[in-house]
Amino acid sequence: MLTSYSLYSIVDFPTRTNNTTSTAIDNIFIKKFKHKNYEIYPLINGLSDHNAQILRLPNTSIPNYGNELHIYREVNEFSLNEFQINLSHETWKNVFNNNDKDTNTTFNNFLDTFLKTFNASFPVKKAPLKWDNKNWLTTGIRTSCNNKR
């Protein structure tokens, strides 16, 4: 299945060892044809019977996510009430006074009026994304790391 997406396992050494056995049960899959100059090697970390794998991909660019913005609309009780009040004050003349009785024109007029009110009540806001790169680090892992050192 993975090969149909050009993904191949590159771990060719034991990743779990104990006194009697060594097995390669942890895998990393990459597109070998895209990353031809990769390097992979084990890292014996002493935290468990599983060793880590270090993958080095030279000449690989990593996108900078530090400048990304979170785009959202703030919807709360106040803005919902404002939206309902603004809709109730709308006359809808451009929708109901459509003399040519064209359904598409009537719908487009309705949608334009609705979206104008919607966008005024729920304006688009932008805020920088906050990246917490270590949110996966549990208290147990932190304790193990501190005890190891």
Foldseek 3Di string as FASTA:
>chain_A
DVVVVQWDWDDDFFFFDDDPDTHNDDTDIDNCVVQVPKDKDWAQDPLHRGTDMDIDRPPDDDDDLQADKDKDWDDDPVLVVQLVVVVVPDPLCQQVVPVVPDPVSNVVSVVVSSVVSVCVSTPIDIDGDDDDPCPVCDPVNVVSVVVVD
